[in-house]
Amino acid sequence: MKKTNEPFSFSSCNETLLNPICIIISLQILTNQPLLFHIHHLLHIQTPNHKHKPKTQNLTKTPKPSPSPSPSPSPSSIVDLKDDVVLTEKQKEVLKAVVDGRSVFITGSAGTGKSFLLHHIIHLLRLLHSPRNVFVTASTGVAACALNGLTLHSFAGVGLANDPSPDLLLHKVRRNIPAFKRWRFAKALVVDEISMIDGQLFDRLEFIARSLRPGRKVWGGIQLIVAGDFFQLPPVNSPDPNREFAFEADCWSNSFHLLVELTHVFRQSDARLVELLQAIRKGRSDHIDWFHFLNSCFVEPHFGERDNTVTRLYPRNEDVRRVNEEKLRSLGGEVITYIAQDEGGESGKKQLKQGIAPQELELSLGARVMLIKNLDPKNGLVNGATGTVTGFVKSRRKVLSSSICAKQVLPRVQFDSKLEIEVEPDSWDVMDGDVVLATRRQVPLILAWALSIHKCQGLTLDRLHTNLSRAFGCGMVYVALSRVRSLDGLCLSGFSPRKIKVHPKVLDYSQQAFGN
């Protein structure tokens, strides 16, 4: 962990001495109660009876700064907020730094709670700065939609960012009035999945922020919260071989007060699997007896075609589409179609199409499906839960319009946990600060006989089969294998230690920054 030497203190908070977040941080230190206990208590005290609803506006407009503070989020909007949640010491360190107004880079292997922590950071930032001044972004549309945010390119107004020089890119942003205002109004910027952002783009975005804001500070004085794992999927077609990764950017070392690597793995409790995944992550092909570890996991390549309870991962989207379509048609039953309802500006709608919620969802009796929203975490109904469609029922609460489903029936799903529910439509927003640019309403399911390795980032699966014979690129084997909860649920084909690829620059950076 790399950090500044300044100790955390009340007076160093970037708002006022009586900032409520500063108070709860101090309470946590004094009472040794879980930090979120105090956040939960504070929100119950402060939250008004009415629910704060984000503003909706046309894409051609941008939010105007307002002197009046926004209401605090409802306690129910805090992700998995429970009194008995206890954070690790490193997670507490990150939250203290965020409250103190510091910029932080958060990394760690798959399943170490990066996404969990990021959701809480976003809520804290919105309490500190108000939602209109906090912008949530990610490098990909899937990751951005998962956070109800924008892609980093959309937020920045840089398009493809392939302009020949930083000055030309800056000129483009100046002419993009909504993007220009976002840069001017931002107090905090969250960037997820940083591993897919190259160093040249990272430098250019910092140049834009510094040029458009007063004071000429690094990133224009914006508090920067960046998360991701460079050992996972890398940038695609980086234009500058000397700045392939964000950590190679000239401004990287000056962009953060704190670098944190989360090390406690929550996803897997199987010590053998954790050791295996850490070896794969670091590319230690001679560090472990692969075939001794994986002997029980090897199956022939067509295993997944016979076992419908196993989700198959593929490197390529065309394989995913082919397998899911073939499996659905093979059921032979009536196909019920659900059409997503999108509202908002065209740019926001375009990003929704990159998200995981499908424009058109086709289901049939017996279809294997995956939940793509957290509906009831206490009962295991979380993003990534798999199950089987057991029927279709008329909606009793009129939550389903004929524009989504002509037959106006809801799918009934028995999840692998044995819980059976009717799955109602849910919503995904693209938000620009506190303004909703676009919304998609759809049944929160996808076909789950097959998934792409790229789209499964952040998911946890109980059983998966992956044929790695066509795996390509650095980090792909690690991303695929780290989705599964235990070795008992892993079915593997086409594996060879030669498929494990780690970029030497990533290894060097990890050693320099974190000593491992």
Protein backbone atom coordinates (compact mmCIF):
# COMPACT_ATOMS: atom_id res chain seq x y z
CA MET A 1 0.00 0.00 0.00
CA LYS A 2 1.41 3.38 -1.01
CA LYS A 3 0.18 6.53 0.67
CA THR A 4 1.04 10.01 1.78
CA ASN A 5 2.53 10.46 5.23
CA GLU A 6 -0.17 12.83 6.45
CA PRO A 7 -2.32 11.22 9.17
CA PHE A 8 -6.08 11.35 8.77
CA SER A 9 -7.60 14.10 10.87
CA PHE A 10 -10.84 15.97 11.33
CA SER A 11 -9.35 19.26 10.22
CA SER A 12 -7.94 17.85 6.98
CA CYS A 13 -11.41 17.13 5.57
CA ASN A 14 -12.00 19.03 2.37
CA GLU A 15 -15.46 20.32 3.27
CA THR A 16 -16.12 21.71 6.76
CA LEU A 17 -15.14 20.71 10.26
CA LEU A 18 -18.66 19.46 10.89
CA ASN A 19 -18.98 17.48 7.68
CA PRO A 20 -21.11 14.48 8.75
CA ILE A 21 -18.90 12.02 6.90
CA CYS A 22 -15.86 13.28 8.82
CA ILE A 23 -17.84 12.75 12.02
CA ILE A 24 -18.69 9.12 11.24
CA ILE A 25 -15.08 8.38 10.29
CA SER A 26 -14.03 9.70 13.70
CA LEU A 27 -16.77 7.66 15.40
CA GLN A 28 -15.49 4.55 13.67
CA ILE A 29 -11.98 5.19 14.95
CA LEU A 30 -13.14 5.92 18.52
CA THR A 31 -15.71 3.13 18.91
CA ASN A 32 -14.24 0.46 16.66
CA GLN A 33 -17.74 -0.12 15.28
CA PRO A 34 -17.98 -1.06 11.59
CA LEU A 35 -17.72 2.10 9.51
CA LEU A 36 -20.98 1.36 7.68
CA PHE A 37 -22.80 1.10 11.03
CA HIS A 38 -22.26 4.84 11.46
CA ILE A 39 -23.13 5.62 7.84
CA HIS A 40 -26.35 3.64 8.26
CA HIS A 41 -27.19 5.47 11.50
CA LEU A 42 -26.41 8.86 9.99
CA LEU A 43 -28.59 8.24 6.95
CA HIS A 44 -31.51 7.13 9.08
CA ILE A 45 -31.25 10.44 10.94
CA GLN A 46 -30.75 12.67 7.92
CA THR A 47 -32.89 11.16 5.20
CA PRO A 48 -36.25 12.86 4.64
CA ASN A 49 -39.40 10.80 4.30
CA HIS A 50 -39.66 11.40 0.58
CA LYS A 51 -37.34 9.51 -1.73
CA HIS A 52 -34.83 11.64 -3.63
CA LYS A 53 -35.36 11.05 -7.33
CA PRO A 54 -32.66 11.94 -9.85
CA LYS A 55 -33.58 14.54 -12.42
CA THR A 56 -34.28 13.45 -15.97
CA GLN A 57 -33.46 15.62 -18.92
CA ASN A 58 -32.79 15.58 -22.61
CA LEU A 59 -29.27 14.63 -23.68
CA THR A 60 -28.71 18.03 -25.27
CA LYS A 61 -28.83 19.67 -21.83
CA THR A 62 -26.46 19.37 -18.88
CA PRO A 63 -27.06 19.95 -15.18
CA LYS A 64 -26.49 23.42 -13.78
CA PRO A 65 -24.69 23.83 -10.48
CA SER A 66 -26.96 24.73 -7.62
CA PRO A 67 -26.07 26.30 -4.28
CA SER A 68 -28.56 24.14 -2.41
CA PRO A 69 -27.48 20.68 -1.29
CA SER A 70 -29.22 17.59 -2.64
CA PRO A 71 -31.05 15.31 -0.20
CA SER A 72 -29.03 12.37 1.08
CA PRO A 73 -29.66 9.01 -0.60
CA SER A 74 -32.19 6.71 1.04
CA PRO A 75 -30.69 4.05 3.31
CA SER A 76 -32.27 1.42 1.08
CA SER A 77 -30.26 2.71 -1.85
CA ILE A 78 -26.98 1.80 -0.16
CA VAL A 79 -25.80 -1.45 -1.70
CA ASP A 80 -25.97 -4.32 0.80
CA LEU A 81 -25.85 -1.88 3.70
CA LYS A 82 -26.12 -3.87 6.92
CA ASP A 83 -25.10 -3.14 10.48
CA ASP A 84 -23.06 -6.35 10.59
CA VAL A 85 -20.91 -5.52 7.56
CA VAL A 86 -17.30 -5.29 8.68
CA LEU A 87 -14.76 -3.82 6.29
CA THR A 88 -11.17 -4.97 6.00
CA GLU A 89 -8.47 -2.61 7.20
CA LYS A 90 -7.52 -1.75 3.62
CA GLN A 91 -11.13 -0.97 2.72
CA LYS A 92 -11.35 1.32 5.76
CA GLU A 93 -8.12 3.00 4.68
CA VAL A 94 -9.61 3.70 1.26
CA LEU A 95 -12.83 5.17 2.67
CA LYS A 96 -10.89 7.44 5.03
CA ALA A 97 -8.81 8.72 2.12
CA VAL A 98 -11.93 9.31 0.00
CA VAL A 99 -13.61 11.27 2.79
CA ASP A 100 -10.41 13.27 3.22
CA GLY A 101 -10.67 14.40 -0.41
CA ARG A 102 -7.72 12.34 -1.62
CA SER A 103 -7.40 10.60 -4.96
CA VAL A 104 -7.11 6.81 -4.76
CA PHE A 105 -6.21 3.91 -7.04
CA ILE A 106 -7.80 0.62 -5.94
CA THR A 107 -6.62 -2.69 -7.36
CA GLY A 108 -6.65 -6.33 -6.33
CA SER A 109 -7.29 -9.77 -7.72
CA ALA A 110 -10.75 -10.93 -8.77
CA GLY A 111 -13.19 -11.36 -5.89
CA THR A 112 -11.45 -9.04 -3.42
CA GLY A 113 -14.39 -6.64 -3.12
CA LYS A 114 -13.40 -3.88 -5.56
CA SER A 115 -16.94 -3.50 -6.91
CA PHE A 116 -18.48 -3.69 -3.43
CA LEU A 117 -16.13 -0.98 -2.18
CA LEU A 118 -16.65 1.17 -5.26
CA HIS A 119 -20.42 1.26 -4.76
CA HIS A 120 -19.94 2.53 -1.20
CA ILE A 121 -17.37 5.08 -2.34
CA ILE A 122 -19.82 6.46 -4.90
CA HIS A 123 -22.48 6.93 -2.21
CA LEU A 124 -19.99 8.63 0.10
CA LEU A 125 -18.85 10.97 -2.67
CA ARG A 126 -22.44 11.95 -3.38
CA LEU A 127 -22.92 12.76 0.29
CA LEU A 128 -19.74 14.84 0.30
CA HIS A 129 -20.12 16.72 -2.96
CA SER A 130 -23.80 16.26 -3.96
CA PRO A 131 -24.74 13.90 -6.81
CA ARG A 132 -24.55 16.62 -9.49
CA ASN A 133 -20.81 17.00 -8.94
CA VAL A 134 -19.90 13.30 -8.89
CA PHE A 135 -19.40 11.55 -12.22
CA VAL A 136 -19.25 7.75 -12.42
CA THR A 137 -17.56 6.20 -15.45
CA ALA A 138 -15.97 2.99 -16.70
CA SER A 139 -13.85 1.97 -19.66
CA THR A 140 -16.56 -0.28 -21.16
CA GLY A 141 -20.29 0.04 -21.68
CA VAL A 142 -21.00 -3.12 -19.67
CA ALA A 143 -19.08 -1.85 -16.64
CA ALA A 144 -20.56 1.66 -16.96
CA CYS A 145 -24.13 0.35 -17.07
CA ALA A 146 -23.45 -1.80 -14.00
CA LEU A 147 -22.64 1.43 -12.12
CA ASN A 148 -25.45 3.46 -13.74
CA GLY A 149 -22.76 5.71 -15.18
CA LEU A 150 -21.19 6.83 -18.44
CA THR A 151 -18.35 5.38 -20.43
CA LEU A 152 -15.20 7.39 -19.77
CA HIS A 153 -15.11 8.44 -23.44
CA SER A 154 -18.70 9.74 -23.25
CA PHE A 155 -18.10 11.67 -20.04
CA ALA A 156 -14.95 13.27 -21.44
CA GLY A 157 -16.46 14.16 -24.83
CA VAL A 158 -13.43 12.76 -26.67
CA GLY A 159 -15.19 10.46 -29.13
CA LEU A 160 -12.71 7.82 -30.28
CA ALA A 161 -9.89 9.98 -28.87
CA ASN A 162 -7.80 9.35 -31.99
CA ASP A 163 -6.99 13.02 -32.65
CA PRO A 164 -3.34 13.56 -33.67
CA SER A 165 -2.51 15.83 -30.73
CA PRO A 166 -3.74 16.69 -27.21
CA ASP A 167 -4.51 20.27 -28.32
CA LEU A 168 -6.84 19.07 -31.09
CA LEU A 169 -8.59 16.79 -28.61
CA LEU A 170 -8.94 19.70 -26.17
CA HIS A 171 -10.43 21.82 -28.96
CA LYS A 172 -12.97 19.07 -29.65
CA VAL A 173 -14.01 18.99 -25.98
CA ARG A 174 -14.31 22.80 -25.79
CA ARG A 175 -16.82 22.67 -28.65
CA ASN A 176 -18.78 19.90 -26.92
CA ILE A 177 -20.75 22.07 -24.48
CA PRO A 178 -22.22 19.22 -22.35
CA ALA A 179 -18.78 17.62 -21.94
CA PHE A 180 -17.17 21.01 -21.27
CA LYS A 181 -19.66 21.64 -18.44
CA ARG A 182 -19.09 18.17 -16.99
CA TRP A 183 -15.36 18.86 -16.74
CA ARG A 184 -16.04 22.26 -15.14
CA PHE A 185 -18.62 21.04 -12.61
CA ALA A 186 -16.89 17.80 -11.55
CA LYS A 187 -15.62 17.56 -8.00
CA ALA A 188 -15.09 13.80 -8.09
CA LEU A 189 -14.55 11.40 -11.00
CA VAL A 190 -14.85 7.61 -10.62
CA VAL A 191 -13.25 5.39 -13.27
CA ASP A 192 -13.78 1.61 -13.18
CA GLU A 193 -12.01 -1.11 -15.22
CA ILE A 194 -8.92 1.06 -15.69
CA SER A 195 -6.98 -1.90 -17.13
CA MET A 196 -8.61 -1.24 -20.52
CA ILE A 197 -7.54 2.44 -20.66
CA ASP A 198 -4.15 3.13 -22.28
CA GLY A 199 -1.57 5.58 -20.97
CA GLN A 200 -1.88 8.05 -23.82
CA LEU A 201 -5.60 8.51 -23.21
CA PHE A 202 -5.04 8.83 -19.46
CA ASP A 203 -2.48 11.60 -20.06
CA ARG A 204 -4.76 13.41 -22.49
CA LEU A 205 -7.71 13.34 -20.11
CA GLU A 206 -5.55 14.82 -17.36
CA PHE A 207 -4.40 17.53 -19.81
CA ILE A 208 -8.03 18.33 -20.66
CA ALA A 209 -9.03 18.55 -16.98
CA ARG A 210 -6.06 20.78 -16.15
CA SER A 211 -6.71 23.03 -19.17
CA LEU A 212 -10.43 23.52 -18.62
CA ARG A 213 -10.35 24.19 -14.89
CA PRO A 214 -8.82 27.04 -12.86
CA GLY A 215 -5.58 26.63 -10.94
CA ARG A 216 -3.73 24.30 -13.33
CA LYS A 217 -3.66 21.54 -10.69
CA VAL A 218 -3.23 17.86 -11.57
CA TRP A 219 -6.56 16.72 -13.02
CA GLY A 220 -7.76 20.28 -12.45
CA GLY A 221 -8.16 19.52 -8.75
CA ILE A 222 -10.78 16.81 -9.38
CA GLN A 223 -10.78 14.01 -6.80
CA LEU A 224 -9.99 10.86 -8.77
CA ILE A 225 -11.13 7.38 -7.74
CA VAL A 226 -9.79 4.72 -10.09
CA ALA A 227 -10.33 0.96 -9.80
CA GLY A 228 -9.30 -2.09 -11.76
CA ASP A 229 -6.84 -4.95 -12.09
CA PHE A 230 -4.09 -4.63 -14.71
CA PHE A 231 -3.67 -8.43 -14.61
CA GLN A 232 -7.11 -8.73 -16.20
CA LEU A 233 -8.14 -7.56 -19.69
CA PRO A 234 -5.71 -5.03 -21.25
CA PRO A 235 -6.34 -2.04 -23.57
CA VAL A 236 -7.24 -2.82 -27.17
CA ASN A 237 -4.90 -1.40 -29.82
CA SER A 238 -2.98 1.10 -27.70
CA PRO A 239 -1.66 3.82 -30.07
CA ASP A 240 1.59 4.42 -28.17
CA PRO A 241 3.77 1.35 -27.43
CA ASN A 242 5.51 3.30 -24.67
CA ARG A 243 2.20 4.02 -22.95
CA GLU A 244 0.25 0.80 -23.41
CA PHE A 245 -1.16 0.87 -19.89
CA ALA A 246 -2.59 3.69 -17.78
CA PHE A 247 0.19 3.25 -15.21
CA GLU A 248 2.69 4.24 -17.96
CA ALA A 249 1.05 7.66 -18.34
CA ASP A 250 3.32 10.59 -17.51
CA CYS A 251 0.76 11.86 -14.99
CA TRP A 252 0.05 8.52 -13.27
CA SER A 253 2.35 8.87 -10.26
CA ASN A 254 1.11 12.41 -9.55
CA SER A 255 -2.57 11.49 -9.92
CA PHE A 256 -3.02 9.62 -6.63
CA HIS A 257 -2.38 10.17 -2.94
CA LEU A 258 -2.99 6.50 -2.18
CA LEU A 259 -2.43 3.22 -4.04
CA VAL A 260 -4.17 0.23 -2.46
CA GLU A 261 -4.10 -3.44 -3.38
CA LEU A 262 -6.97 -5.39 -1.81
CA THR A 263 -5.74 -8.87 -0.91
CA HIS A 264 -8.54 -10.62 1.01
CA VAL A 265 -10.43 -12.88 -1.43
CA PHE A 266 -14.17 -13.07 -0.68
CA ARG A 267 -15.35 -14.93 -3.79
CA GLN A 268 -13.47 -18.18 -3.18
CA SER A 269 -13.07 -19.87 0.20
CA ASP A 270 -11.26 -22.87 -1.34
CA ALA A 271 -7.59 -22.32 -0.42
CA ARG A 272 -6.44 -24.53 -3.31
CA LEU A 273 -8.34 -22.43 -5.83
CA VAL A 274 -7.11 -19.15 -4.36
CA GLU A 275 -3.50 -20.38 -4.64
CA LEU A 276 -4.13 -21.56 -8.19
CA LEU A 277 -5.67 -18.27 -9.28
CA GLN A 278 -2.90 -16.19 -7.74
CA ALA A 279 -0.34 -18.25 -9.66
CA ILE A 280 -2.29 -17.79 -12.90
CA ARG A 281 -2.72 -14.06 -12.25
CA LYS A 282 1.04 -13.57 -11.92
CA GLY A 283 1.87 -16.00 -14.75
CA ARG A 284 3.85 -18.38 -12.56
CA SER A 285 3.61 -21.34 -14.93
CA ASP A 286 6.50 -23.17 -13.24
CA HIS A 287 5.28 -22.34 -9.73
CA ILE A 288 2.63 -25.01 -9.47
CA ASP A 289 1.77 -28.53 -10.62
CA TRP A 290 -1.14 -27.45 -12.82
CA PHE A 291 -2.33 -30.90 -13.73
CA HIS A 292 -2.22 -32.09 -10.11
CA PHE A 293 -4.37 -29.11 -9.07
CA LEU A 294 -6.73 -29.30 -12.04
CA ASN A 295 -6.93 -33.06 -12.57
CA SER A 296 -10.49 -33.28 -11.23
CA CYS A 297 -11.57 -30.33 -13.41
CA PHE A 298 -10.63 -31.66 -16.85
CA VAL A 299 -13.51 -32.68 -19.11
CA GLU A 300 -13.79 -33.32 -22.82
CA PRO A 301 -14.58 -30.21 -24.98
CA HIS A 302 -18.29 -31.02 -25.52
CA PHE A 303 -19.05 -31.65 -21.85
CA GLY A 304 -21.03 -28.42 -21.46
CA GLU A 305 -23.37 -29.38 -24.28
CA ARG A 306 -24.73 -32.28 -22.21
CA ASP A 307 -24.85 -30.65 -18.77
CA ASN A 308 -27.30 -27.75 -18.83
CA THR A 309 -26.48 -26.63 -15.30
CA VAL A 310 -23.01 -25.48 -16.36
CA THR A 311 -22.47 -22.01 -17.84
CA ARG A 312 -19.95 -22.12 -20.68
CA LEU A 313 -17.51 -19.25 -21.15
CA TYR A 314 -16.18 -18.37 -24.59
CA PRO A 315 -13.55 -15.85 -25.70
CA ARG A 316 -15.67 -14.74 -28.68
CA ASN A 317 -19.19 -13.26 -28.80
CA GLU A 318 -20.17 -15.16 -31.94
CA ASP A 319 -19.70 -18.48 -30.10
CA VAL A 320 -21.91 -17.24 -27.25
CA ARG A 321 -24.73 -16.23 -29.61
CA ARG A 322 -24.53 -19.49 -31.54
CA VAL A 323 -24.66 -21.74 -28.46
CA ASN A 324 -27.51 -19.86 -26.76
CA GLU A 325 -29.62 -19.75 -29.93
CA GLU A 326 -29.07 -23.45 -30.65
CA LYS A 327 -29.96 -24.44 -27.10
CA LEU A 328 -33.10 -22.30 -27.04
CA ARG A 329 -34.40 -23.72 -30.34
CA SER A 330 -33.63 -27.28 -29.22
CA LEU A 331 -36.17 -26.95 -26.39
CA GLY A 332 -38.94 -27.00 -28.99
CA GLY A 333 -41.39 -24.96 -26.95
CA GLU A 334 -43.07 -21.61 -27.54
CA VAL A 335 -40.61 -18.71 -27.45
CA ILE A 336 -41.71 -15.68 -25.42
CA THR A 337 -40.05 -12.41 -26.43
CA TYR A 338 -39.35 -9.41 -24.18
CA ILE A 339 -38.46 -6.11 -25.89
CA ALA A 340 -36.52 -3.54 -23.87
CA GLN A 341 -38.13 -0.12 -23.52
CA ASP A 342 -35.58 2.69 -23.84
CA GLU A 343 -36.16 6.35 -23.04
CA GLY A 344 -33.86 9.35 -23.27
CA GLY A 345 -31.32 10.87 -25.64
CA GLU A 346 -29.69 8.98 -28.47
CA SER A 347 -26.20 9.01 -26.96
CA GLY A 348 -27.50 7.53 -23.71
CA LYS A 349 -29.51 4.91 -25.59
CA LYS A 350 -26.40 3.98 -27.55
CA GLN A 351 -24.56 3.25 -24.31
CA LEU A 352 -27.47 1.16 -23.01
CA LYS A 353 -27.01 -1.10 -26.04
CA GLN A 354 -23.47 -1.83 -24.84
CA GLY A 355 -24.73 -2.93 -21.42
CA ILE A 356 -25.61 -6.43 -20.34
CA ALA A 357 -29.42 -5.98 -20.44
CA PRO A 358 -30.48 -7.23 -23.91
CA GLN A 359 -32.56 -5.25 -26.39
CA GLU A 360 -34.48 -8.44 -27.14
CA LEU A 361 -34.75 -11.35 -24.69
CA GLU A 362 -36.14 -14.67 -25.92
CA LEU A 363 -37.15 -17.28 -23.34
CA SER A 364 -38.81 -20.67 -23.39
CA LEU A 365 -39.82 -23.29 -20.86
CA GLY A 366 -36.63 -24.99 -19.67
CA ALA A 367 -34.28 -22.17 -20.70
CA ARG A 368 -31.18 -21.65 -18.56
CA VAL A 369 -31.00 -18.04 -17.44
CA MET A 370 -28.85 -15.72 -15.35
CA LEU A 371 -29.99 -12.85 -13.16
CA ILE A 372 -28.32 -9.54 -14.09
CA LYS A 373 -29.54 -7.44 -11.16
CA ASN A 374 -29.22 -7.72 -7.38
CA LEU A 375 -32.85 -8.42 -6.38
CA ASP A 376 -32.55 -10.02 -2.94
CA PRO A 377 -28.94 -10.56 -1.81
CA LYS A 378 -29.99 -12.11 1.53
CA ASN A 379 -31.63 -14.98 -0.38
CA GLY A 380 -28.95 -15.33 -3.03
CA LEU A 381 -30.78 -13.42 -5.78
CA VAL A 382 -27.71 -11.53 -6.93
CA ASN A 383 -26.13 -10.54 -10.21
CA GLY A 384 -24.84 -13.86 -11.64
CA ALA A 385 -27.36 -16.22 -9.99
CA THR A 386 -28.41 -18.94 -12.45
CA GLY A 387 -31.61 -20.92 -12.79
CA THR A 388 -34.18 -22.48 -15.13
CA VAL A 389 -37.42 -21.06 -16.53
CA THR A 390 -40.23 -23.21 -15.11
CA GLY A 391 -43.19 -21.35 -16.58
CA PHE A 392 -44.85 -18.07 -17.55
CA VAL A 393 -47.57 -16.37 -15.50
CA LYS A 394 -49.84 -13.39 -15.97
CA SER A 395 -48.62 -10.38 -14.04
CA ARG A 396 -50.87 -9.73 -11.05
CA ARG A 397 -49.48 -6.28 -10.29
CA LYS A 398 -49.56 -4.83 -13.81
CA VAL A 399 -45.80 -4.34 -13.81
CA LEU A 400 -45.44 -5.59 -17.38
CA SER A 401 -46.71 -3.57 -20.34
CA SER A 402 -47.63 -5.08 -23.69
CA SER A 403 -44.83 -3.04 -25.25
CA ILE A 404 -42.31 -5.19 -23.36
CA CYS A 405 -44.14 -8.50 -23.82
CA ALA A 406 -47.10 -8.88 -26.16
CA LYS A 407 -48.48 -11.79 -24.10
CA GLN A 408 -47.98 -9.84 -20.86
CA VAL A 409 -46.58 -12.83 -18.99
CA LEU A 410 -43.69 -12.91 -16.51
CA PRO A 411 -41.08 -15.68 -16.54
CA ARG A 412 -41.09 -17.90 -13.48
CA VAL A 413 -37.56 -19.03 -12.61
CA GLN A 414 -36.34 -21.68 -10.21
CA PHE A 415 -32.83 -20.64 -9.25
CA ASP A 416 -30.18 -23.21 -8.46
CA SER A 417 -30.58 -22.25 -4.79
CA LYS A 418 -34.10 -23.83 -5.14
CA LEU A 419 -35.81 -20.46 -4.64
CA GLU A 420 -38.52 -19.92 -7.27
CA ILE A 421 -39.83 -16.45 -8.17
CA GLU A 422 -41.59 -14.48 -10.88
CA VAL A 423 -39.01 -12.11 -12.37
CA GLU A 424 -40.41 -8.63 -12.96
CA PRO A 425 -38.93 -5.92 -15.23
CA ASP A 426 -36.24 -3.68 -13.78
CA SER A 427 -34.44 -0.53 -14.94
CA TRP A 428 -30.92 0.52 -15.90
CA ASP A 429 -29.98 4.20 -16.03
CA VAL A 430 -27.23 6.12 -17.78
CA MET A 431 -26.50 9.03 -15.45
CA ASP A 432 -24.64 12.27 -16.01
CA GLY A 433 -24.01 13.42 -12.45
CA ASP A 434 -27.52 13.45 -10.97
CA VAL A 435 -29.24 13.65 -14.37
CA VAL A 436 -30.72 10.54 -16.02
CA LEU A 437 -29.75 10.64 -19.70
CA ALA A 438 -31.40 7.38 -20.68
CA THR A 439 -33.22 4.44 -19.09
CA ARG A 440 -33.74 0.87 -20.23
CA ARG A 441 -36.56 -1.23 -18.76
CA GLN A 442 -36.28 -4.98 -19.31
CA VAL A 443 -36.69 -8.31 -17.54
CA PRO A 444 -33.32 -8.69 -15.71
CA LEU A 445 -32.36 -12.03 -17.25
CA ILE A 446 -30.09 -13.30 -20.01
CA LEU A 447 -29.71 -16.75 -21.52
CA ALA A 448 -26.98 -18.52 -19.58
CA TRP A 449 -25.94 -21.62 -21.47
CA ALA A 450 -23.02 -19.48 -22.65
CA LEU A 451 -21.37 -16.15 -21.75
CA SER A 452 -18.42 -14.20 -23.14
CA ILE A 453 -15.30 -13.87 -21.00
CA HIS A 454 -15.42 -10.08 -21.48
CA LYS A 455 -19.02 -9.77 -20.23
CA CYS A 456 -18.54 -12.02 -17.22
CA GLN A 457 -16.16 -9.62 -15.45
CA GLY A 458 -17.50 -8.99 -11.95
CA LEU A 459 -19.73 -12.10 -11.94
CA THR A 460 -19.49 -15.07 -9.58
CA LEU A 461 -20.64 -18.44 -10.94
CA ASP A 462 -21.29 -21.69 -9.08
CA ARG A 463 -20.52 -23.90 -12.08
CA LEU A 464 -18.75 -23.08 -15.32
CA HIS A 465 -17.18 -24.86 -18.25
CA THR A 466 -14.61 -23.09 -20.37
CA ASN A 467 -12.75 -24.37 -23.40
CA LEU A 468 -9.51 -22.40 -23.47
CA SER A 469 -8.27 -23.77 -26.79
CA ARG A 470 -9.24 -20.47 -28.47
CA ALA A 471 -8.20 -18.18 -25.62
CA PHE A 472 -6.10 -15.23 -26.72
CA GLY A 473 -4.52 -12.20 -25.09
CA CYS A 474 -3.13 -11.38 -21.68
CA GLY A 475 -5.32 -12.00 -18.66
CA MET A 476 -8.04 -13.95 -20.49
CA VAL A 477 -7.41 -17.30 -18.79
CA TYR A 478 -7.30 -15.61 -15.40
CA VAL A 479 -10.57 -13.71 -15.96
CA ALA A 480 -12.31 -16.91 -17.07
CA LEU A 481 -11.16 -19.15 -14.21
CA SER A 482 -11.58 -16.54 -11.47
CA ARG A 483 -15.36 -16.39 -12.02
CA VAL A 484 -16.01 -19.74 -10.33
CA ARG A 485 -16.64 -20.06 -6.60
CA SER A 486 -14.81 -23.38 -6.03
CA LEU A 487 -12.77 -26.03 -7.84
CA ASP A 488 -15.76 -28.37 -7.53
CA GLY A 489 -17.68 -26.09 -9.90
CA LEU A 490 -14.92 -25.76 -12.52
CA CYS A 491 -15.01 -27.81 -15.72
CA LEU A 492 -12.03 -27.21 -17.99
CA SER A 493 -11.11 -28.11 -21.56
CA GLY A 494 -8.28 -27.07 -23.86
CA PHE A 495 -6.04 -25.96 -21.01
CA SER A 496 -2.31 -25.54 -21.44
CA PRO A 497 0.09 -23.53 -19.25
CA ARG A 498 1.14 -21.79 -22.48
CA LYS A 499 -2.29 -20.14 -22.57
CA ILE A 500 -1.47 -18.22 -19.38
CA LYS A 501 -0.24 -14.83 -20.55
CA VAL A 502 0.78 -11.92 -18.35
CA HIS A 503 2.30 -8.74 -19.73
CA PRO A 504 5.81 -8.18 -18.32
CA LYS A 505 5.06 -4.46 -17.86
CA VAL A 506 2.16 -5.34 -15.55
CA LEU A 507 4.39 -7.62 -13.50
CA ASP A 508 7.03 -4.88 -13.20
CA TYR A 509 4.47 -2.27 -12.16
CA SER A 510 2.97 -4.56 -9.52
CA GLN A 511 6.41 -5.22 -8.09
CA GLN A 512 7.31 -1.53 -7.97
CA ALA A 513 3.98 -0.31 -6.58
CA PHE A 514 3.09 -3.11 -4.16
CA GLY A 515 6.23 -5.21 -3.79
CA ASN A 516 4.78 -8.42 -5.20
